[in-house]
């Protein structure tokens, strides 16, 4: 994963509740993955899979990970679990 990678505007729009210029793809990885899975469009999902490894995405999706409580909608979680096996 490149820390130099820019977050596209379509993804920044998903963060209506924070200062978008403060988003960092490393520091805010979990939140970015959650938002894209919950509210992103296909292009956002493509950016997600080109930015983060499947292992990083699966770590966020893993319900067994007690340290990792997610806010992903069940239907979105099901789809993401299939796509990021």
PDB file of N, CA and C in Angstrom:
ATOM      1  N   UNK A   1       0.835  -1.176   0.000  1.00  0.00           N
ATOM      2  CA  UNK A   1       0.000   0.000   0.000  1.00  0.00           C
ATOM      3  C   UNK A   1       0.879   1.239   0.000  1.00  0.00           C
ATOM      4  N   UNK A   2       0.559   2.165  -0.840  1.00  0.00           N
ATOM      5  CA  UNK A   2       1.330   3.394  -0.945  1.00  0.00           C
ATOM      6  C   UNK A   2       0.729   4.472  -0.057  1.00  0.00           C
ATOM      7  N   UNK A   3       1.564   5.072   0.782  1.00  0.00           N
ATOM      8  CA  UNK A   3       1.067   6.155   1.634  1.00  0.00           C
ATOM      9  C   UNK A   3       0.936   7.449   0.838  1.00  0.00           C
ATOM     10  N   UNK A   4       1.455   7.467  -0.390  1.00  0.00           N
ATOM     11  CA  UNK A   4       1.369   8.648  -1.248  1.00  0.00           C
ATOM     12  C   UNK A   4       0.066   8.679  -2.038  1.00  0.00           C
ATOM     13  N   UNK A   5      -0.683   7.608  -2.018  1.00  0.00           N
ATOM     14  CA  UNK A   5      -1.902   7.505  -2.804  1.00  0.00           C
ATOM     15  C   UNK A   5      -2.930   8.516  -2.314  1.00  0.00           C
ATOM     16  N   UNK A   6      -3.555   9.195  -3.253  1.00  0.00           N
ATOM     17  CA  UNK A   6      -4.563  10.211  -2.931  1.00  0.00           C
ATOM     18  C   UNK A   6      -5.944   9.569  -2.824  1.00  0.00           C
ATOM     19  N   UNK A   7      -6.739  10.090  -1.921  1.00  0.00           N
ATOM     20  CA  UNK A   7      -8.109   9.619  -1.763  1.00  0.00           C
ATOM     21  C   UNK A   7      -8.984  10.379  -2.763  1.00  0.00           C
ATOM     22  N   UNK A   8      -9.694   9.666  -3.634  1.00  0.00           N
ATOM     23  CA  UNK A   8     -10.536  10.330  -4.626  1.00  0.00           C
ATOM     24  C   UNK A   8     -11.669  11.123  -3.981  1.00  0.00           C
ATOM     25  N   UNK A   9     -12.131  12.139  -4.702  1.00  0.00           N
ATOM     26  CA  UNK A   9     -13.214  12.988  -4.216  1.00  0.00           C
ATOM     27  C   UNK A   9     -14.466  12.172  -3.915  1.00  0.00           C
ATOM     28  N   UNK A  10     -14.756  11.168  -4.756  1.00  0.00           N
ATOM     29  CA  UNK A  10     -15.968  10.369  -4.539  1.00  0.00           C
ATOM     30  C   UNK A  10     -15.936   9.664  -3.185  1.00  0.00           C
ATOM     31  N   UNK A  11     -14.749   9.342  -2.718  1.00  0.00           N
ATOM     32  CA  UNK A  11     -14.617   8.699  -1.406  1.00  0.00           C
ATOM     33  C   UNK A  11     -14.626   9.742  -0.296  1.00  0.00           C
ATOM     34  N   UNK A  12     -13.995  10.870  -0.531  1.00  0.00           N
ATOM     35  CA  UNK A  12     -14.029  11.932   0.485  1.00  0.00           C
ATOM     36  C   UNK A  12     -15.452  12.368   0.786  1.00  0.00           C
ATOM     37  N   UNK A  13     -16.333  12.292  -0.217  1.00  0.00           N
ATOM     38  CA  UNK A  13     -17.739  12.665   0.001  1.00  0.00           C
ATOM     39  C   UNK A  13     -18.413  11.752   1.022  1.00  0.00           C
ATOM     40  N   UNK A  14     -17.896  10.551   1.198  1.00  0.00           N
ATOM     41  CA  UNK A  14     -18.481   9.617   2.161  1.00  0.00           C
ATOM     42  C   UNK A  14     -18.216  10.045   3.607  1.00  0.00           C
ATOM     43  N   UNK A  15     -17.301  10.973   3.796  1.00  0.00           N
ATOM     44  CA  UNK A  15     -16.919  11.435   5.131  1.00  0.00           C
ATOM     45  C   UNK A  15     -17.511  12.811   5.385  1.00  0.00           C
ATOM     46  N   UNK A  16     -18.833  12.845   5.506  1.00  0.00           N
ATOM     47  CA  UNK A  16     -19.542  14.099   5.703  1.00  0.00           C
ATOM     48  C   UNK A  16     -19.350  14.650   7.111  1.00  0.00           C
ATOM     49  N   UNK A  17     -18.860  13.839   8.032  1.00  0.00           N
ATOM     50  CA  UNK A  17     -18.813  14.211   9.438  1.00  0.00           C
ATOM     51  C   UNK A  17     -17.421  14.578   9.954  1.00  0.00           C
ATOM     52  N   UNK A  18     -16.421  14.576   9.083  1.00  0.00           N
ATOM     53  CA  UNK A  18     -15.064  14.922   9.521  1.00  0.00           C
ATOM     54  C   UNK A  18     -14.408  15.840   8.497  1.00  0.00           C
ATOM     55  N   UNK A  19     -13.281  16.395   8.870  1.00  0.00           N
ATOM     56  CA  UNK A  19     -12.504  17.229   7.959  1.00  0.00           C
ATOM     57  C   UNK A  19     -11.823  16.314   6.943  1.00  0.00           C
ATOM     58  N   UNK A  20     -12.249  16.411   5.704  1.00  0.00           N
ATOM     59  CA  UNK A  20     -11.785  15.499   4.662  1.00  0.00           C
ATOM     60  C   UNK A  20     -10.282  15.589   4.392  1.00  0.00           C
ATOM     61  N   UNK A  21      -9.708  16.763   4.562  1.00  0.00           N
ATOM     62  CA  UNK A  21      -8.275  16.936   4.297  1.00  0.00           C
ATOM     63  C   UNK A  21      -7.409  16.248   5.343  1.00  0.00           C
ATOM     64  N   UNK A  22      -8.001  15.846   6.455  1.00  0.00           N
ATOM     65  CA  UNK A  22      -7.251  15.149   7.506  1.00  0.00           C
ATOM     66  C   UNK A  22      -7.219  13.634   7.303  1.00  0.00           C
ATOM     67  N   UNK A  23      -7.947  13.135   6.306  1.00  0.00           N
ATOM     68  CA  UNK A  23      -7.972  11.690   6.059  1.00  0.00           C
ATOM     69  C   UNK A  23      -6.598  11.197   5.632  1.00  0.00           C
ATOM     70  N   UNK A  24      -6.181  10.117   6.232  1.00  0.00           N
ATOM     71  CA  UNK A  24      -4.904   9.491   5.913  1.00  0.00           C
ATOM     72  C   UNK A  24      -5.167   8.013   5.651  1.00  0.00           C
ATOM     73  N   UNK A  25      -4.685   7.487   4.503  1.00  0.00           N
ATOM     74  CA  UNK A  25      -5.027   6.109   4.146  1.00  0.00           C
ATOM     75  C   UNK A  25      -4.429   5.077   5.086  1.00  0.00           C
ATOM     76  N   UNK A  26      -3.415   5.453   5.836  1.00  0.00           N
ATOM     77  CA  UNK A  26      -2.826   4.516   6.800  1.00  0.00           C
ATOM     78  C   UNK A  26      -3.494   4.674   8.162  1.00  0.00           C
ATOM     79  N   UNK A  27      -3.527   5.885   8.672  1.00  0.00           N
ATOM     80  CA  UNK A  27      -4.086   6.128  10.004  1.00  0.00           C
ATOM     81  C   UNK A  27      -5.584   5.822  10.092  1.00  0.00           C
ATOM     82  N   UNK A  28      -6.310   6.066   9.030  1.00  0.00           N
ATOM     83  CA  UNK A  28      -7.767   5.917   9.049  1.00  0.00           C
ATOM     84  C   UNK A  28      -8.238   4.732   8.204  1.00  0.00           C
ATOM     85  N   UNK A  29      -7.370   3.749   8.048  1.00  0.00           N
ATOM     86  CA  UNK A  29      -7.657   2.586   7.199  1.00  0.00           C
ATOM     87  C   UNK A  29      -8.984   1.922   7.549  1.00  0.00           C
ATOM     88  N   UNK A  30      -9.200   1.612   8.806  1.00  0.00           N
ATOM     89  CA  UNK A  30     -10.425   0.915   9.222  1.00  0.00           C
ATOM     90  C   UNK A  30     -11.666   1.733   8.870  1.00  0.00           C
ATOM     91  N   UNK A  31     -11.640   3.014   9.159  1.00  0.00           N
ATOM     92  CA  UNK A  31     -12.790   3.875   8.874  1.00  0.00           C
ATOM     93  C   UNK A  31     -13.035   4.016   7.381  1.00  0.00           C
ATOM     94  N   UNK A  32     -11.967   4.127   6.612  1.00  0.00           N
ATOM     95  CA  UNK A  32     -12.114   4.249   5.155  1.00  0.00           C
ATOM     96  C   UNK A  32     -12.720   2.975   4.583  1.00  0.00           C
ATOM     97  N   UNK A  33     -12.210   1.834   5.002  1.00  0.00           N
ATOM     98  CA  UNK A  33     -12.738   0.560   4.511  1.00  0.00           C
ATOM     99  C   UNK A  33     -14.212   0.421   4.886  1.00  0.00           C
ATOM    100  N   UNK A  34     -14.566   0.733   6.119  1.00  0.00           N
ATOM    101  CA  UNK A  34     -15.962   0.646   6.558  1.00  0.00           C
ATOM    102  C   UNK A  34     -16.876   1.534   5.727  1.00  0.00           C
ATOM    103  N   UNK A  35     -16.486   2.784   5.530  1.00  0.00           N
ATOM    104  CA  UNK A  35     -17.338   3.717   4.787  1.00  0.00           C
ATOM    105  C   UNK A  35     -17.528   3.290   3.348  1.00  0.00           C
ATOM    106  N   UNK A  36     -16.449   2.840   2.716  1.00  0.00           N
ATOM    107  CA  UNK A  36     -16.563   2.422   1.320  1.00  0.00           C
ATOM    108  C   UNK A  36     -17.472   1.204   1.212  1.00  0.00           C
ATOM    109  N   UNK A  37     -17.319   0.258   2.097  1.00  0.00           N
ATOM    110  CA  UNK A  37     -18.164  -0.935   2.041  1.00  0.00           C
ATOM    111  C   UNK A  37     -19.630  -0.580   2.305  1.00  0.00           C
ATOM    112  N   UNK A  38     -19.883   0.318   3.224  1.00  0.00           N
ATOM    113  CA  UNK A  38     -21.261   0.708   3.537  1.00  0.00           C
ATOM    114  C   UNK A  38     -21.900   1.605   2.485  1.00  0.00           C
ATOM    115  N   UNK A  39     -21.157   2.572   1.952  1.00  0.00           N
ATOM    116  CA  UNK A  39     -21.777   3.625   1.143  1.00  0.00           C
ATOM    117  C   UNK A  39     -21.134   3.848  -0.220  1.00  0.00           C
ATOM    118  N   UNK A  40     -20.041   3.158  -0.501  1.00  0.00           N
ATOM    119  CA  UNK A  40     -19.325   3.416  -1.743  1.00  0.00           C
ATOM    120  C   UNK A  40     -20.005   2.843  -2.974  1.00  0.00           C
ATOM    121  N   UNK A  41     -19.631   3.411  -4.113  1.00  0.00           N
ATOM    122  CA  UNK A  41     -20.090   2.899  -5.402  1.00  0.00           C
ATOM    123  C   UNK A  41     -19.014   1.955  -5.944  1.00  0.00           C
ATOM    124  N   UNK A  42     -19.285   1.341  -7.071  1.00  0.00           N
ATOM    125  CA  UNK A  42     -18.360   0.361  -7.628  1.00  0.00           C
ATOM    126  C   UNK A  42     -16.950   0.923  -7.797  1.00  0.00           C
ATOM    127  N   UNK A  43     -16.831   2.143  -8.299  1.00  0.00           N
ATOM    128  CA  UNK A  43     -15.507   2.751  -8.478  1.00  0.00           C
ATOM    129  C   UNK A  43     -14.779   2.899  -7.140  1.00  0.00           C
ATOM    130  N   UNK A  44     -15.514   3.175  -6.081  1.00  0.00           N
ATOM    131  CA  UNK A  44     -14.905   3.294  -4.751  1.00  0.00           C
ATOM    132  C   UNK A  44     -14.390   1.937  -4.281  1.00  0.00           C
ATOM    133  N   UNK A  45     -15.157   0.888  -4.537  1.00  0.00           N
ATOM    134  CA  UNK A  45     -14.739  -0.476  -4.167  1.00  0.00           C
ATOM    135  C   UNK A  45     -13.493  -0.868  -4.956  1.00  0.00           C
ATOM    136  N   UNK A  46     -13.420  -0.443  -6.212  1.00  0.00           N
ATOM    137  CA  UNK A  46     -12.235  -0.738  -7.022  1.00  0.00           C
ATOM    138  C   UNK A  46     -11.015  -0.018  -6.451  1.00  0.00           C
ATOM    139  N   UNK A  47     -11.192   1.234  -6.039  1.00  0.00           N
ATOM    140  CA  UNK A  47     -10.089   1.976  -5.412  1.00  0.00           C
ATOM    141  C   UNK A  47      -9.676   1.275  -4.119  1.00  0.00           C
ATOM    142  N   UNK A  48     -10.667   0.830  -3.356  1.00  0.00           N
ATOM    143  CA  UNK A  48     -10.400   0.122  -2.106  1.00  0.00           C
ATOM    144  C   UNK A  48      -9.507  -1.085  -2.351  1.00  0.00           C
ATOM    145  N   UNK A  49      -9.861  -1.898  -3.335  1.00  0.00           N
ATOM    146  CA  UNK A  49      -9.083  -3.111  -3.570  1.00  0.00           C
ATOM    147  C   UNK A  49      -7.734  -2.842  -4.213  1.00  0.00           C
ATOM    148  N   UNK A  50      -7.554  -1.670  -4.815  1.00  0.00           N
ATOM    149  CA  UNK A  50      -6.235  -1.327  -5.355  1.00  0.00           C
ATOM    150  C   UNK A  50      -5.361  -0.623  -4.314  1.00  0.00           C
ATOM    151  N   UNK A  51      -5.981  -0.194  -3.223  1.00  0.00           N
ATOM    152  CA  UNK A  51      -5.248   0.552  -2.193  1.00  0.00           C
ATOM    153  C   UNK A  51      -4.851  -0.339  -1.021  1.00  0.00           C
ATOM    154  N   UNK A  52      -5.747  -1.214  -0.614  1.00  0.00           N
ATOM    155  CA  UNK A  52      -5.498  -2.090   0.523  1.00  0.00           C
ATOM    156  C   UNK A  52      -5.436  -3.542   0.063  1.00  0.00           C
ATOM    157  N   UNK A  53      -4.651  -4.329   0.756  1.00  0.00           N
ATOM    158  CA  UNK A  53      -4.564  -5.754   0.427  1.00  0.00           C
ATOM    159  C   UNK A  53      -5.838  -6.462   0.895  1.00  0.00           C
ATOM    160  N   UNK A  54      -6.076  -7.645   0.337  1.00  0.00           N
ATOM    161  CA  UNK A  54      -7.226  -8.441   0.775  1.00  0.00           C
ATOM    162  C   UNK A  54      -7.122  -8.756   2.257  1.00  0.00           C
ATOM    163  N   UNK A  55      -5.904  -8.982   2.737  1.00  0.00           N
ATOM    164  CA  UNK A  55      -5.715  -9.299   4.152  1.00  0.00           C
ATOM    165  C   UNK A  55      -6.136  -8.121   5.031  1.00  0.00           C
ATOM    166  N   UNK A  56      -5.792  -6.906   4.622  1.00  0.00           N
ATOM    167  CA  UNK A  56      -6.188  -5.726   5.407  1.00  0.00           C
ATOM    168  C   UNK A  56      -7.701  -5.567   5.425  1.00  0.00           C
ATOM    169  N   UNK A  57      -8.322  -5.779   4.283  1.00  0.00           N
ATOM    170  CA  UNK A  57      -9.776  -5.642   4.192  1.00  0.00           C
ATOM    171  C   UNK A  57     -10.451  -6.747   5.003  1.00  0.00           C
ATOM    172  N   UNK A  58      -9.965  -7.968   4.867  1.00  0.00           N
ATOM    173  CA  UNK A  58     -10.548  -9.087   5.631  1.00  0.00           C
ATOM    174  C   UNK A  58     -10.398  -8.873   7.133  1.00  0.00           C
ATOM    175  N   UNK A  59      -9.308  -8.258   7.559  1.00  0.00           N
ATOM    176  CA  UNK A  59      -9.112  -7.984   8.982  1.00  0.00           C
ATOM    177  C   UNK A  59     -10.236  -7.083   9.501  1.00  0.00           C
ATOM    178  N   UNK A  60     -10.615  -6.089   8.711  1.00  0.00           N
ATOM    179  CA  UNK A  60     -11.714  -5.199   9.114  1.00  0.00           C
ATOM    180  C   UNK A  60     -13.045  -5.949   9.100  1.00  0.00           C
ATOM    181  N   UNK A  61     -13.206  -6.860   8.159  1.00  0.00           N
ATOM    182  CA  UNK A  61     -14.464  -7.593   8.027  1.00  0.00           C
ATOM    183  C   UNK A  61     -14.628  -8.734   9.024  1.00  0.00           C
ATOM    184  N   UNK A  62     -13.551  -9.201   9.608  1.00  0.00           N
ATOM    185  CA  UNK A  62     -13.553 -10.412  10.433  1.00  0.00           C
ATOM    186  C   UNK A  62     -14.362 -10.240  11.720  1.00  0.00           C
ATOM    187  N   UNK A  63     -15.498 -10.944  11.836  1.00  0.00           N
ATOM    188  CA  UNK A  63     -16.318 -10.828  13.054  1.00  0.00           C
ATOM    189  C   UNK A  63     -15.676 -11.486  14.272  1.00  0.00           C
ATOM    190  N   UNK A  64     -14.700 -12.341  14.044  1.00  0.00           N
ATOM    191  CA  UNK A  64     -14.011 -13.024  15.143  1.00  0.00           C
ATOM    192  C   UNK A  64     -12.963 -12.129  15.813  1.00  0.00           C
ATOM    193  N   UNK A  65     -12.603 -11.056  15.168  1.00  0.00           N
ATOM    194  CA  UNK A  65     -11.578 -10.156  15.685  1.00  0.00           C
ATOM    195  C   UNK A  65     -12.204  -9.274  16.770  1.00  0.00           C
ATOM    196  N   UNK A  66     -11.993  -9.633  18.007  1.00  0.00           N
ATOM    197  CA  UNK A  66     -12.619  -8.930  19.140  1.00  0.00           C
ATOM    198  C   UNK A  66     -12.135  -7.479  19.277  1.00  0.00           C
ATOM    199  N   UNK A  67     -10.924  -7.204  18.804  1.00  0.00           N
ATOM    200  CA  UNK A  67     -10.401  -5.839  18.876  1.00  0.00           C
ATOM    201  C   UNK A  67     -10.960  -4.963  17.776  1.00  0.00           C
ATOM    202  N   UNK A  68     -11.636  -5.577  16.839  1.00  0.00           N
ATOM    203  CA  UNK A  68     -12.071  -4.874  15.649  1.00  0.00           C
ATOM    204  C   UNK A  68     -13.590  -4.871  15.531  1.00  0.00           C
ATOM    205  N   UNK A  69     -14.245  -4.038  16.274  1.00  0.00           N
ATOM    206  CA  UNK A  69     -15.695  -3.907  16.170  1.00  0.00           C
ATOM    207  C   UNK A  69     -15.989  -3.003  14.977  1.00  0.00           C
ATOM    208  N   UNK A  70     -16.793  -3.493  14.038  1.00  0.00           N
ATOM    209  CA  UNK A  70     -17.091  -2.693  12.861  1.00  0.00           C
ATOM    210  C   UNK A  70     -18.520  -2.194  12.878  1.00  0.00           C
ATOM    211  N   UNK A  71     -18.769  -1.215  12.052  1.00  0.00           N
ATOM    212  CA  UNK A  71     -20.094  -0.640  11.877  1.00  0.00           C
ATOM    213  C   UNK A  71     -20.588  -0.898  10.472  1.00  0.00           C
ATOM    214  N   UNK A  72     -20.277  -2.050   9.935  1.00  0.00           N
ATOM    215  CA  UNK A  72     -20.653  -2.367   8.566  1.00  0.00           C
ATOM    216  C   UNK A  72     -22.042  -3.001   8.564  1.00  0.00           C
ATOM    217  N   UNK A  73     -22.889  -2.501   7.676  1.00  0.00           N
ATOM    218  CA  UNK A  73     -24.245  -3.035   7.552  1.00  0.00           C
ATOM    219  C   UNK A  73     -24.185  -4.509   7.164  1.00  0.00           C
ATOM    220  N   UNK A  74     -25.079  -5.343   7.709  1.00  0.00           N
ATOM    221  CA  UNK A  74     -25.031  -6.785   7.436  1.00  0.00           C
ATOM    222  C   UNK A  74     -25.037  -7.150   5.948  1.00  0.00           C
ATOM    223  N   UNK A  75     -25.881  -6.490   5.153  1.00  0.00           N
ATOM    224  CA  UNK A  75     -25.932  -6.829   3.721  1.00  0.00           C
ATOM    225  C   UNK A  75     -24.631  -6.441   3.016  1.00  0.00           C
ATOM    226  N   UNK A  76     -24.060  -5.311   3.390  1.00  0.00           N
ATOM    227  CA  UNK A  76     -22.781  -4.884   2.805  1.00  0.00           C
ATOM    228  C   UNK A  76     -21.653  -5.800   3.263  1.00  0.00           C
ATOM    229  N   UNK A  77     -21.715  -6.223   4.509  1.00  0.00           N
ATOM    230  CA  UNK A  77     -20.715  -7.143   5.043  1.00  0.00           C
ATOM    231  C   UNK A  77     -20.747  -8.475   4.302  1.00  0.00           C
ATOM    232  N   UNK A  78     -21.932  -8.950   4.021  1.00  0.00           N
ATOM    233  CA  UNK A  78     -22.074 -10.221   3.294  1.00  0.00           C
ATOM    234  C   UNK A  78     -21.443 -10.108   1.902  1.00  0.00           C
ATOM    235  N   UNK A  79     -21.761  -9.048   1.172  1.00  0.00           N
ATOM    236  CA  UNK A  79     -21.194  -8.852  -0.162  1.00  0.00           C
ATOM    237  C   UNK A  79     -19.675  -8.716  -0.101  1.00  0.00           C
ATOM    238  N   UNK A  80     -19.180  -7.902   0.805  1.00  0.00           N
ATOM    239  CA  UNK A  80     -17.736  -7.702   0.939  1.00  0.00           C
ATOM    240  C   UNK A  80     -17.033  -9.003   1.304  1.00  0.00           C
ATOM    241  N   UNK A  81     -17.652  -9.798   2.154  1.00  0.00           N
ATOM    242  CA  UNK A  81     -17.044 -11.074   2.543  1.00  0.00           C
ATOM    243  C   UNK A  81     -16.899 -12.011   1.344  1.00  0.00           C
ATOM    244  N   UNK A  82     -17.857 -11.948   0.432  1.00  0.00           N
ATOM    245  CA  UNK A  82     -17.766 -12.765  -0.779  1.00  0.00           C
ATOM    246  C   UNK A  82     -16.673 -12.225  -1.708  1.00  0.00           C
ATOM    247  N   UNK A  83     -16.649 -10.930  -1.898  1.00  0.00           N
ATOM    248  CA  UNK A  83     -15.707 -10.332  -2.856  1.00  0.00           C
ATOM    249  C   UNK A  83     -14.263 -10.358  -2.373  1.00  0.00           C
ATOM    250  N   UNK A  84     -14.047 -10.287  -1.078  1.00  0.00           N
ATOM    251  CA  UNK A  84     -12.676 -10.194  -0.547  1.00  0.00           C
ATOM    252  C   UNK A  84     -12.254 -11.474   0.153  1.00  0.00           C
ATOM    253  N   UNK A  85     -12.771 -12.616  -0.276  1.00  0.00           N
ATOM    254  CA  UNK A  85     -12.360 -13.915   0.288  1.00  0.00           C
ATOM    255  C   UNK A  85     -10.892 -14.107   0.169  1.00  0.00           C
TER     256      UNK A  85
END
